[in-house]
């Protein structure tokens, strides 16, 4: 799957960036790193460039679920987003919907 430079959804255009490091403030406190991140105000999706292509694809799926949830005021928990992203990615990949 090609990682696009931007994603359009519900009248918004999110730019997709691939920095080397993603370290939001909460990650620094918890000493963890992220594979991806979305900033709703700036409309930017970040995917860590050093990850394998499959991880970036799954991270993009994860961030897109966050975007859909945010715009629909769904209130999904992080664990639910993670399960949805992994399973949806697995379905699409194993059925060759995405290469």
PDB file of N, CA and C in Angstrom:
ATOM      1  N   UNK A   1       0.851  -1.172   0.000  1.00  0.00           N
ATOM      2  CA  UNK A   1       0.000   0.000   0.000  1.00  0.00           C
ATOM      3  C   UNK A   1       0.900   1.239   0.000  1.00  0.00           C
ATOM      4  N   UNK A   2       0.575   2.157  -0.828  1.00  0.00           N
ATOM      5  CA  UNK A   2       1.311   3.416  -0.892  1.00  0.00           C
ATOM      6  C   UNK A   2       0.821   4.326   0.231  1.00  0.00           C
ATOM      7  N   UNK A   3       1.746   4.906   0.966  1.00  0.00           N
ATOM      8  CA  UNK A   3       1.384   5.860   2.017  1.00  0.00           C
ATOM      9  C   UNK A   3       1.175   7.213   1.323  1.00  0.00           C
ATOM     10  N   UNK A   4      -0.051   7.745   1.371  1.00  0.00           N
ATOM     11  CA  UNK A   4      -0.321   9.003   0.676  1.00  0.00           C
ATOM     12  C   UNK A   4       0.290  10.197   1.404  1.00  0.00           C
ATOM     13  N   UNK A   5       0.415  11.303   0.694  1.00  0.00           N
ATOM     14  CA  UNK A   5       0.934  12.536   1.293  1.00  0.00           C
ATOM     15  C   UNK A   5      -0.168  13.290   2.027  1.00  0.00           C
ATOM     16  N   UNK A   6      -1.421  12.984   1.679  1.00  0.00           N
ATOM     17  CA  UNK A   6      -2.552  13.574   2.388  1.00  0.00           C
ATOM     18  C   UNK A   6      -3.753  12.652   2.313  1.00  0.00           C
ATOM     19  N   UNK A   7      -4.646  12.820   3.287  1.00  0.00           N
ATOM     20  CA  UNK A   7      -5.879  12.036   3.384  1.00  0.00           C
ATOM     21  C   UNK A   7      -7.027  13.027   3.519  1.00  0.00           C
ATOM     22  N   UNK A   8      -8.045  12.877   2.709  1.00  0.00           N
ATOM     23  CA  UNK A   8      -9.226  13.737   2.793  1.00  0.00           C
ATOM     24  C   UNK A   8     -10.353  12.952   3.461  1.00  0.00           C
ATOM     25  N   UNK A   9     -10.985  13.597   4.432  1.00  0.00           N
ATOM     26  CA  UNK A   9     -12.099  12.970   5.142  1.00  0.00           C
ATOM     27  C   UNK A   9     -13.022  14.048   5.693  1.00  0.00           C
ATOM     28  N   UNK A  10     -14.291  13.920   5.405  1.00  0.00           N
ATOM     29  CA  UNK A  10     -15.341  14.785   5.956  1.00  0.00           C
ATOM     30  C   UNK A  10     -15.025  16.274   5.789  1.00  0.00           C
ATOM     31  N   UNK A  11     -14.535  16.638   4.612  1.00  0.00           N
ATOM     32  CA  UNK A  11     -14.243  18.035   4.332  1.00  0.00           C
ATOM     33  C   UNK A  11     -12.924  18.533   4.894  1.00  0.00           C
ATOM     34  N   UNK A  12     -12.141  17.642   5.493  1.00  0.00           N
ATOM     35  CA  UNK A  12     -10.846  18.008   6.064  1.00  0.00           C
ATOM     36  C   UNK A  12      -9.742  17.323   5.268  1.00  0.00           C
ATOM     37  N   UNK A  13      -8.602  17.959   5.194  1.00  0.00           N
ATOM     38  CA  UNK A  13      -7.433  17.366   4.550  1.00  0.00           C
ATOM     39  C   UNK A  13      -6.325  17.229   5.583  1.00  0.00           C
ATOM     40  N   UNK A  14      -5.966  15.991   5.856  1.00  0.00           N
ATOM     41  CA  UNK A  14      -4.890  15.693   6.798  1.00  0.00           C
ATOM     42  C   UNK A  14      -3.608  15.437   6.013  1.00  0.00           C
ATOM     43  N   UNK A  15      -2.571  16.160   6.334  1.00  0.00           N
ATOM     44  CA  UNK A  15      -1.265  15.917   5.720  1.00  0.00           C
ATOM     45  C   UNK A  15      -0.622  14.722   6.419  1.00  0.00           C
ATOM     46  N   UNK A  16       0.064  13.880   5.656  1.00  0.00           N
ATOM     47  CA  UNK A  16       0.740  12.711   6.213  1.00  0.00           C
ATOM     48  C   UNK A  16       2.242  12.968   6.163  1.00  0.00           C
ATOM     49  N   UNK A  17       2.865  12.931   7.321  1.00  0.00           N
ATOM     50  CA  UNK A  17       4.302  13.154   7.454  1.00  0.00           C
ATOM     51  C   UNK A  17       4.958  11.872   7.961  1.00  0.00           C
ATOM     52  N   UNK A  18       6.236  11.705   7.647  1.00  0.00           N
ATOM     53  CA  UNK A  18       6.983  10.533   8.112  1.00  0.00           C
ATOM     54  C   UNK A  18       8.293  10.965   8.758  1.00  0.00           C
ATOM     55  N   UNK A  19       8.213  11.524   9.970  1.00  0.00           N
ATOM     56  CA  UNK A  19       9.440  11.921  10.669  1.00  0.00           C
ATOM     57  C   UNK A  19      10.191  10.706  11.223  1.00  0.00           C
ATOM     58  N   UNK A  20      11.418  10.914  11.591  1.00  0.00           N
ATOM     59  CA  UNK A  20      12.244   9.848  12.163  1.00  0.00           C
ATOM     60  C   UNK A  20      11.767   9.483  13.565  1.00  0.00           C
ATOM     61  N   UNK A  21      11.407  10.500  14.342  1.00  0.00           N
ATOM     62  CA  UNK A  21      10.992  10.287  15.732  1.00  0.00           C
ATOM     63  C   UNK A  21       9.641  10.959  15.960  1.00  0.00           C
ATOM     64  N   UNK A  22       8.777  10.254  16.691  1.00  0.00           N
ATOM     65  CA  UNK A  22       7.500  10.828  17.118  1.00  0.00           C
ATOM     66  C   UNK A  22       7.527  10.771  18.633  1.00  0.00           C
ATOM     67  N   UNK A  23       7.527  11.921  19.263  1.00  0.00           N
ATOM     68  CA  UNK A  23       7.607  11.910  20.721  1.00  0.00           C
ATOM     69  C   UNK A  23       6.704  12.976  21.329  1.00  0.00           C
ATOM     70  N   UNK A  24       5.410  12.683  21.381  1.00  0.00           N
ATOM     71  CA  UNK A  24       4.521  13.636  22.046  1.00  0.00           C
ATOM     72  C   UNK A  24       4.873  13.748  23.534  1.00  0.00           C
ATOM     73  N   UNK A  25       4.405  14.800  24.182  1.00  0.00           N
ATOM     74  CA  UNK A  25       4.738  15.061  25.583  1.00  0.00           C
ATOM     75  C   UNK A  25       4.448  13.869  26.484  1.00  0.00           C
ATOM     76  N   UNK A  26       3.290  13.228  26.299  1.00  0.00           N
ATOM     77  CA  UNK A  26       2.951  12.102  27.172  1.00  0.00           C
ATOM     78  C   UNK A  26       3.888  10.910  26.972  1.00  0.00           C
ATOM     79  N   UNK A  27       4.435  10.769  25.783  1.00  0.00           N
ATOM     80  CA  UNK A  27       5.377   9.671  25.532  1.00  0.00           C
ATOM     81  C   UNK A  27       6.666   9.891  26.307  1.00  0.00           C
ATOM     82  N   UNK A  28       7.096  11.141  26.394  1.00  0.00           N
ATOM     83  CA  UNK A  28       8.317  11.447  27.136  1.00  0.00           C
ATOM     84  C   UNK A  28       8.147  11.103  28.612  1.00  0.00           C
ATOM     85  N   UNK A  29       6.976  11.406  29.154  1.00  0.00           N
ATOM     86  CA  UNK A  29       6.702  11.111  30.558  1.00  0.00           C
ATOM     87  C   UNK A  29       6.691   9.607  30.815  1.00  0.00           C
ATOM     88  N   UNK A  30       6.109   8.855  29.894  1.00  0.00           N
ATOM     89  CA  UNK A  30       5.972   7.405  30.064  1.00  0.00           C
ATOM     90  C   UNK A  30       7.172   6.636  29.525  1.00  0.00           C
ATOM     91  N   UNK A  31       8.079   7.345  28.878  1.00  0.00           N
ATOM     92  CA  UNK A  31       9.260   6.734  28.256  1.00  0.00           C
ATOM     93  C   UNK A  31       8.873   5.655  27.240  1.00  0.00           C
ATOM     94  N   UNK A  32       7.932   5.982  26.410  1.00  0.00           N
ATOM     95  CA  UNK A  32       7.526   5.101  25.312  1.00  0.00           C
ATOM     96  C   UNK A  32       7.671   5.878  24.008  1.00  0.00           C
ATOM     97  N   UNK A  33       7.631   5.167  22.908  1.00  0.00           N
ATOM     98  CA  UNK A  33       7.637   5.830  21.609  1.00  0.00           C
ATOM     99  C   UNK A  33       6.410   5.380  20.843  1.00  0.00           C
ATOM    100  N   UNK A  34       6.041   6.157  19.882  1.00  0.00           N
ATOM    101  CA  UNK A  34       4.847   5.893  19.101  1.00  0.00           C
ATOM    102  C   UNK A  34       5.223   5.498  17.679  1.00  0.00           C
ATOM    103  N   UNK A  35       4.375   4.662  17.065  1.00  0.00           N
ATOM    104  CA  UNK A  35       4.518   4.346  15.646  1.00  0.00           C
ATOM    105  C   UNK A  35       3.843   5.426  14.816  1.00  0.00           C
ATOM    106  N   UNK A  36       2.795   6.043  15.386  1.00  0.00           N
ATOM    107  CA  UNK A  36       2.053   7.067  14.672  1.00  0.00           C
ATOM    108  C   UNK A  36       1.359   7.997  15.642  1.00  0.00           C
ATOM    109  N   UNK A  37       0.870   9.102  15.087  1.00  0.00           N
ATOM    110  CA  UNK A  37       0.195  10.109  15.901  1.00  0.00           C
ATOM    111  C   UNK A  37      -0.659  10.964  14.977  1.00  0.00           C
ATOM    112  N   UNK A  38      -1.797  11.437  15.492  1.00  0.00           N
ATOM    113  CA  UNK A  38      -2.610  12.377  14.725  1.00  0.00           C
ATOM    114  C   UNK A  38      -2.831  13.626  15.566  1.00  0.00           C
ATOM    115  N   UNK A  39      -2.739  14.781  14.915  1.00  0.00           N
ATOM    116  CA  UNK A  39      -3.043  16.054  15.550  1.00  0.00           C
ATOM    117  C   UNK A  39      -4.272  16.596  14.840  1.00  0.00           C
ATOM    118  N   UNK A  40      -5.401  16.604  15.544  1.00  0.00           N
ATOM    119  CA  UNK A  40      -6.666  17.010  14.936  1.00  0.00           C
ATOM    120  C   UNK A  40      -6.692  18.501  14.618  1.00  0.00           C
ATOM    121  N   UNK A  41      -6.108  19.328  15.483  1.00  0.00           N
ATOM    122  CA  UNK A  41      -6.119  20.775  15.259  1.00  0.00           C
ATOM    123  C   UNK A  41      -5.283  21.166  14.045  1.00  0.00           C
ATOM    124  N   UNK A  42      -4.100  20.580  13.939  1.00  0.00           N
ATOM    125  CA  UNK A  42      -3.215  20.897  12.808  1.00  0.00           C
ATOM    126  C   UNK A  42      -3.513  20.047  11.580  1.00  0.00           C
ATOM    127  N   UNK A  43      -4.357  19.038  11.745  1.00  0.00           N
ATOM    128  CA  UNK A  43      -4.723  18.100  10.676  1.00  0.00           C
ATOM    129  C   UNK A  43      -3.471  17.463  10.058  1.00  0.00           C
ATOM    130  N   UNK A  44      -2.694  16.837  10.943  1.00  0.00           N
ATOM    131  CA  UNK A  44      -1.463  16.174  10.528  1.00  0.00           C
ATOM    132  C   UNK A  44      -1.424  14.767  11.120  1.00  0.00           C
ATOM    133  N   UNK A  45      -1.086  13.811  10.275  1.00  0.00           N
ATOM    134  CA  UNK A  45      -0.841  12.440  10.691  1.00  0.00           C
ATOM    135  C   UNK A  45       0.662  12.217  10.578  1.00  0.00           C
ATOM    136  N   UNK A  46       1.272  11.688  11.643  1.00  0.00           N
ATOM    137  CA  UNK A  46       2.703  11.374  11.607  1.00  0.00           C
ATOM    138  C   UNK A  46       2.886   9.865  11.723  1.00  0.00           C
ATOM    139  N   UNK A  47       3.716   9.322  10.849  1.00  0.00           N
ATOM    140  CA  UNK A  47       4.082   7.908  10.875  1.00  0.00           C
ATOM    141  C   UNK A  47       5.596   7.836  10.962  1.00  0.00           C
ATOM    142  N   UNK A  48       6.106   7.070  11.898  1.00  0.00           N
ATOM    143  CA  UNK A  48       7.562   6.999  12.090  1.00  0.00           C
ATOM    144  C   UNK A  48       8.222   6.349  10.880  1.00  0.00           C
ATOM    145  N   UNK A  49       9.111   7.084  10.247  1.00  0.00           N
ATOM    146  CA  UNK A  49       9.717   6.655   8.980  1.00  0.00           C
ATOM    147  C   UNK A  49      10.626   5.437   9.113  1.00  0.00           C
ATOM    148  N   UNK A  50      11.165   5.202  10.296  1.00  0.00           N
ATOM    149  CA  UNK A  50      12.115   4.099  10.474  1.00  0.00           C
ATOM    150  C   UNK A  50      11.446   2.725  10.598  1.00  0.00           C
ATOM    151  N   UNK A  51      10.132   2.691  10.627  1.00  0.00           N
ATOM    152  CA  UNK A  51       9.412   1.420  10.773  1.00  0.00           C
ATOM    153  C   UNK A  51       9.281   0.709   9.429  1.00  0.00           C
ATOM    154  N   UNK A  52       9.119  -0.624   9.464  1.00  0.00           N
ATOM    155  CA  UNK A  52       8.876  -1.366   8.215  1.00  0.00           C
ATOM    156  C   UNK A  52       7.572  -0.891   7.557  1.00  0.00           C
ATOM    157  N   UNK A  53       7.479  -1.083   6.268  1.00  0.00           N
ATOM    158  CA  UNK A  53       6.309  -0.630   5.508  1.00  0.00           C
ATOM    159  C   UNK A  53       5.001  -1.162   6.099  1.00  0.00           C
ATOM    160  N   UNK A  54       4.981  -2.433   6.474  1.00  0.00           N
ATOM    161  CA  UNK A  54       3.743  -3.003   7.029  1.00  0.00           C
ATOM    162  C   UNK A  54       3.336  -2.317   8.326  1.00  0.00           C
ATOM    163  N   UNK A  55       4.302  -1.938   9.145  1.00  0.00           N
ATOM    164  CA  UNK A  55       3.985  -1.227  10.393  1.00  0.00           C
ATOM    165  C   UNK A  55       3.440   0.159  10.092  1.00  0.00           C
ATOM    166  N   UNK A  56       4.026   0.838   9.100  1.00  0.00           N
ATOM    167  CA  UNK A  56       3.518   2.164   8.724  1.00  0.00           C
ATOM    168  C   UNK A  56       2.090   2.069   8.196  1.00  0.00           C
ATOM    169  N   UNK A  57       1.806   1.024   7.418  1.00  0.00           N
ATOM    170  CA  UNK A  57       0.451   0.829   6.888  1.00  0.00           C
ATOM    171  C   UNK A  57      -0.543   0.599   8.020  1.00  0.00           C
ATOM    172  N   UNK A  58      -0.183  -0.251   8.966  1.00  0.00           N
ATOM    173  CA  UNK A  58      -1.071  -0.522  10.088  1.00  0.00           C
ATOM    174  C   UNK A  58      -1.227   0.714  10.975  1.00  0.00           C
ATOM    175  N   UNK A  59      -0.148   1.471  11.142  1.00  0.00           N
ATOM    176  CA  UNK A  59      -0.220   2.709  11.922  1.00  0.00           C
ATOM    177  C   UNK A  59      -1.122   3.733  11.248  1.00  0.00           C
ATOM    178  N   UNK A  60      -1.057   3.820   9.928  1.00  0.00           N
ATOM    179  CA  UNK A  60      -1.942   4.722   9.192  1.00  0.00           C
ATOM    180  C   UNK A  60      -3.394   4.319   9.427  1.00  0.00           C
ATOM    181  N   UNK A  61      -3.682   3.024   9.354  1.00  0.00           N
ATOM    182  CA  UNK A  61      -5.040   2.527   9.610  1.00  0.00           C
ATOM    183  C   UNK A  61      -5.486   2.930  11.019  1.00  0.00           C
ATOM    184  N   UNK A  62      -4.590   2.781  11.984  1.00  0.00           N
ATOM    185  CA  UNK A  62      -4.860   3.137  13.377  1.00  0.00           C
ATOM    186  C   UNK A  62      -5.223   4.624  13.499  1.00  0.00           C
ATOM    187  N   UNK A  63      -4.425   5.474  12.889  1.00  0.00           N
ATOM    188  CA  UNK A  63      -4.667   6.921  12.972  1.00  0.00           C
ATOM    189  C   UNK A  63      -5.947   7.313  12.238  1.00  0.00           C
ATOM    190  N   UNK A  64      -6.253   6.633  11.143  1.00  0.00           N
ATOM    191  CA  UNK A  64      -7.504   6.916  10.426  1.00  0.00           C
ATOM    192  C   UNK A  64      -8.721   6.563  11.271  1.00  0.00           C
ATOM    193  N   UNK A  65      -8.626   5.478  12.028  1.00  0.00           N
ATOM    194  CA  UNK A  65      -9.726   5.117  12.931  1.00  0.00           C
ATOM    195  C   UNK A  65      -9.890   6.198  14.001  1.00  0.00           C
ATOM    196  N   UNK A  66      -8.784   6.721  14.516  1.00  0.00           N
ATOM    197  CA  UNK A  66      -8.864   7.835  15.473  1.00  0.00           C
ATOM    198  C   UNK A  66      -9.574   9.036  14.844  1.00  0.00           C
ATOM    199  N   UNK A  67      -9.254   9.337  13.586  1.00  0.00           N
ATOM    200  CA  UNK A  67      -9.874  10.481  12.904  1.00  0.00           C
ATOM    201  C   UNK A  67     -11.372  10.275  12.760  1.00  0.00           C
ATOM    202  N   UNK A  68     -11.768   9.109  12.286  1.00  0.00           N
ATOM    203  CA  UNK A  68     -13.205   8.820  12.125  1.00  0.00           C
ATOM    204  C   UNK A  68     -13.910   8.903  13.479  1.00  0.00           C
ATOM    205  N   UNK A  69     -13.301   8.322  14.498  1.00  0.00           N
ATOM    206  CA  UNK A  69     -13.871   8.345  15.844  1.00  0.00           C
ATOM    207  C   UNK A  69     -14.000   9.777  16.358  1.00  0.00           C
ATOM    208  N   UNK A  70     -12.963  10.576  16.175  1.00  0.00           N
ATOM    209  CA  UNK A  70     -12.960  11.968  16.637  1.00  0.00           C
ATOM    210  C   UNK A  70     -14.076  12.779  15.970  1.00  0.00           C
ATOM    211  N   UNK A  71     -14.202  12.646  14.667  1.00  0.00           N
ATOM    212  CA  UNK A  71     -15.190  13.441  13.940  1.00  0.00           C
ATOM    213  C   UNK A  71     -16.622  12.985  14.214  1.00  0.00           C
ATOM    214  N   UNK A  72     -16.782  11.766  14.678  1.00  0.00           N
ATOM    215  CA  UNK A  72     -18.120  11.251  14.992  1.00  0.00           C
ATOM    216  C   UNK A  72     -18.388  11.200  16.491  1.00  0.00           C
ATOM    217  N   UNK A  73     -17.459  11.742  17.271  1.00  0.00           N
ATOM    218  CA  UNK A  73     -17.579  11.774  18.725  1.00  0.00           C
ATOM    219  C   UNK A  73     -17.901  10.393  19.295  1.00  0.00           C
ATOM    220  N   UNK A  74     -17.182   9.399  18.770  1.00  0.00           N
ATOM    221  CA  UNK A  74     -17.444   8.011  19.144  1.00  0.00           C
ATOM    222  C   UNK A  74     -16.922   7.601  20.508  1.00  0.00           C
ATOM    223  N   UNK A  75     -15.789   8.135  20.916  1.00  0.00           N
ATOM    224  CA  UNK A  75     -15.253   7.809  22.227  1.00  0.00           C
ATOM    225  C   UNK A  75     -14.610   6.440  22.357  1.00  0.00           C
ATOM    226  N   UNK A  76     -14.040   5.928  21.261  1.00  0.00           N
ATOM    227  CA  UNK A  76     -13.344   4.644  21.343  1.00  0.00           C
ATOM    228  C   UNK A  76     -12.133   4.763  22.271  1.00  0.00           C
ATOM    229  N   UNK A  77     -11.870   3.699  23.006  1.00  0.00           N
ATOM    230  CA  UNK A  77     -10.670   3.648  23.844  1.00  0.00           C
ATOM    231  C   UNK A  77      -9.497   3.214  22.977  1.00  0.00           C
ATOM    232  N   UNK A  78      -8.284   3.541  23.434  1.00  0.00           N
ATOM    233  CA  UNK A  78      -7.078   3.235  22.659  1.00  0.00           C
ATOM    234  C   UNK A  78      -6.993   1.746  22.321  1.00  0.00           C
ATOM    235  N   UNK A  79      -7.333   0.910  23.268  1.00  0.00           N
ATOM    236  CA  UNK A  79      -7.295  -0.538  23.042  1.00  0.00           C
ATOM    237  C   UNK A  79      -8.262  -0.955  21.927  1.00  0.00           C
ATOM    238  N   UNK A  80      -9.435  -0.342  21.884  1.00  0.00           N
ATOM    239  CA  UNK A  80     -10.413  -0.648  20.836  1.00  0.00           C
ATOM    240  C   UNK A  80      -9.893  -0.207  19.472  1.00  0.00           C
ATOM    241  N   UNK A  81      -9.290   0.959  19.416  1.00  0.00           N
ATOM    242  CA  UNK A  81      -8.713   1.452  18.165  1.00  0.00           C
ATOM    243  C   UNK A  81      -7.623   0.498  17.689  1.00  0.00           C
ATOM    244  N   UNK A  82      -6.797   0.053  18.614  1.00  0.00           N
ATOM    245  CA  UNK A  82      -5.704  -0.864  18.272  1.00  0.00           C
ATOM    246  C   UNK A  82      -6.242  -2.170  17.690  1.00  0.00           C
ATOM    247  N   UNK A  83      -7.249  -2.759  18.340  1.00  0.00           N
ATOM    248  CA  UNK A  83      -7.831  -4.010  17.842  1.00  0.00           C
ATOM    249  C   UNK A  83      -8.463  -3.816  16.464  1.00  0.00           C
ATOM    250  N   UNK A  84      -9.218  -2.743  16.304  1.00  0.00           N
ATOM    251  CA  UNK A  84      -9.853  -2.467  15.013  1.00  0.00           C
ATOM    252  C   UNK A  84      -8.813  -2.305  13.908  1.00  0.00           C
ATOM    253  N   UNK A  85      -7.768  -1.539  14.190  1.00  0.00           N
ATOM    254  CA  UNK A  85      -6.725  -1.297  13.184  1.00  0.00           C
ATOM    255  C   UNK A  85      -6.021  -2.585  12.800  1.00  0.00           C
ATOM    256  N   UNK A  86      -5.619  -3.385  13.788  1.00  0.00           N
ATOM    257  CA  UNK A  86      -4.914  -4.641  13.508  1.00  0.00           C
ATOM    258  C   UNK A  86      -5.787  -5.597  12.703  1.00  0.00           C
ATOM    259  N   UNK A  87      -7.031  -5.753  13.137  1.00  0.00           N
ATOM    260  CA  UNK A  87      -7.907  -6.716  12.470  1.00  0.00           C
ATOM    261  C   UNK A  87      -8.315  -6.254  11.074  1.00  0.00           C
ATOM    262  N   UNK A  88      -8.645  -4.983  10.926  1.00  0.00           N
ATOM    263  CA  UNK A  88      -9.008  -4.471   9.607  1.00  0.00           C
ATOM    264  C   UNK A  88      -7.821  -4.582   8.654  1.00  0.00           C
ATOM    265  N   UNK A  89      -6.633  -4.238   9.147  1.00  0.00           N
ATOM    266  CA  UNK A  89      -5.434  -4.357   8.318  1.00  0.00           C
ATOM    267  C   UNK A  89      -5.205  -5.816   7.913  1.00  0.00           C
ATOM    268  N   UNK A  90      -5.358  -6.736   8.850  1.00  0.00           N
ATOM    269  CA  UNK A  90      -5.153  -8.160   8.569  1.00  0.00           C
ATOM    270  C   UNK A  90      -6.139  -8.668   7.515  1.00  0.00           C
ATOM    271  N   UNK A  91      -7.388  -8.243   7.616  1.00  0.00           N
ATOM    272  CA  UNK A  91      -8.405  -8.651   6.632  1.00  0.00           C
ATOM    273  C   UNK A  91      -8.046  -8.129   5.248  1.00  0.00           C
ATOM    274  N   UNK A  92      -7.725  -6.844   5.165  1.00  0.00           N
ATOM    275  CA  UNK A  92      -7.406  -6.235   3.874  1.00  0.00           C
ATOM    276  C   UNK A  92      -6.138  -6.827   3.267  1.00  0.00           C
ATOM    277  N   UNK A  93      -5.135  -7.085   4.097  1.00  0.00           N
ATOM    278  CA  UNK A  93      -3.860  -7.634   3.616  1.00  0.00           C
ATOM    279  C   UNK A  93      -4.018  -9.082   3.167  1.00  0.00           C
ATOM    280  N   UNK A  94      -4.677  -9.917   3.985  1.00  0.00           N
ATOM    281  CA  UNK A  94      -4.775 -11.337   3.648  1.00  0.00           C
ATOM    282  C   UNK A  94      -5.698 -11.603   2.462  1.00  0.00           C
ATOM    283  N   UNK A  95      -6.602 -10.669   2.185  1.00  0.00           N
ATOM    284  CA  UNK A  95      -7.494 -10.812   1.027  1.00  0.00           C
ATOM    285  C   UNK A  95      -7.010 -10.015  -0.162  1.00  0.00           C
ATOM    286  N   UNK A  96      -5.784  -9.530  -0.077  1.00  0.00           N
ATOM    287  CA  UNK A  96      -5.107  -8.801  -1.151  1.00  0.00           C
ATOM    288  C   UNK A  96      -5.854  -7.577  -1.643  1.00  0.00           C
ATOM    289  N   UNK A  97      -6.614  -6.970  -0.704  1.00  0.00           N
ATOM    290  CA  UNK A  97      -7.252  -5.691  -1.011  1.00  0.00           C
ATOM    291  C   UNK A  97      -6.159  -4.624  -1.034  1.00  0.00           C
ATOM    292  N   UNK A  98      -5.175  -4.789  -0.144  1.00  0.00           N
ATOM    293  CA  UNK A  98      -3.973  -3.971  -0.196  1.00  0.00           C
ATOM    294  C   UNK A  98      -2.790  -4.914  -0.353  1.00  0.00           C
ATOM    295  N   UNK A  99      -1.811  -4.479  -1.089  1.00  0.00           N
ATOM    296  CA  UNK A  99      -0.636  -5.330  -1.363  1.00  0.00           C
ATOM    297  C   UNK A  99       0.414  -5.177  -0.293  1.00  0.00           C
TER     298      UNK A  99
END
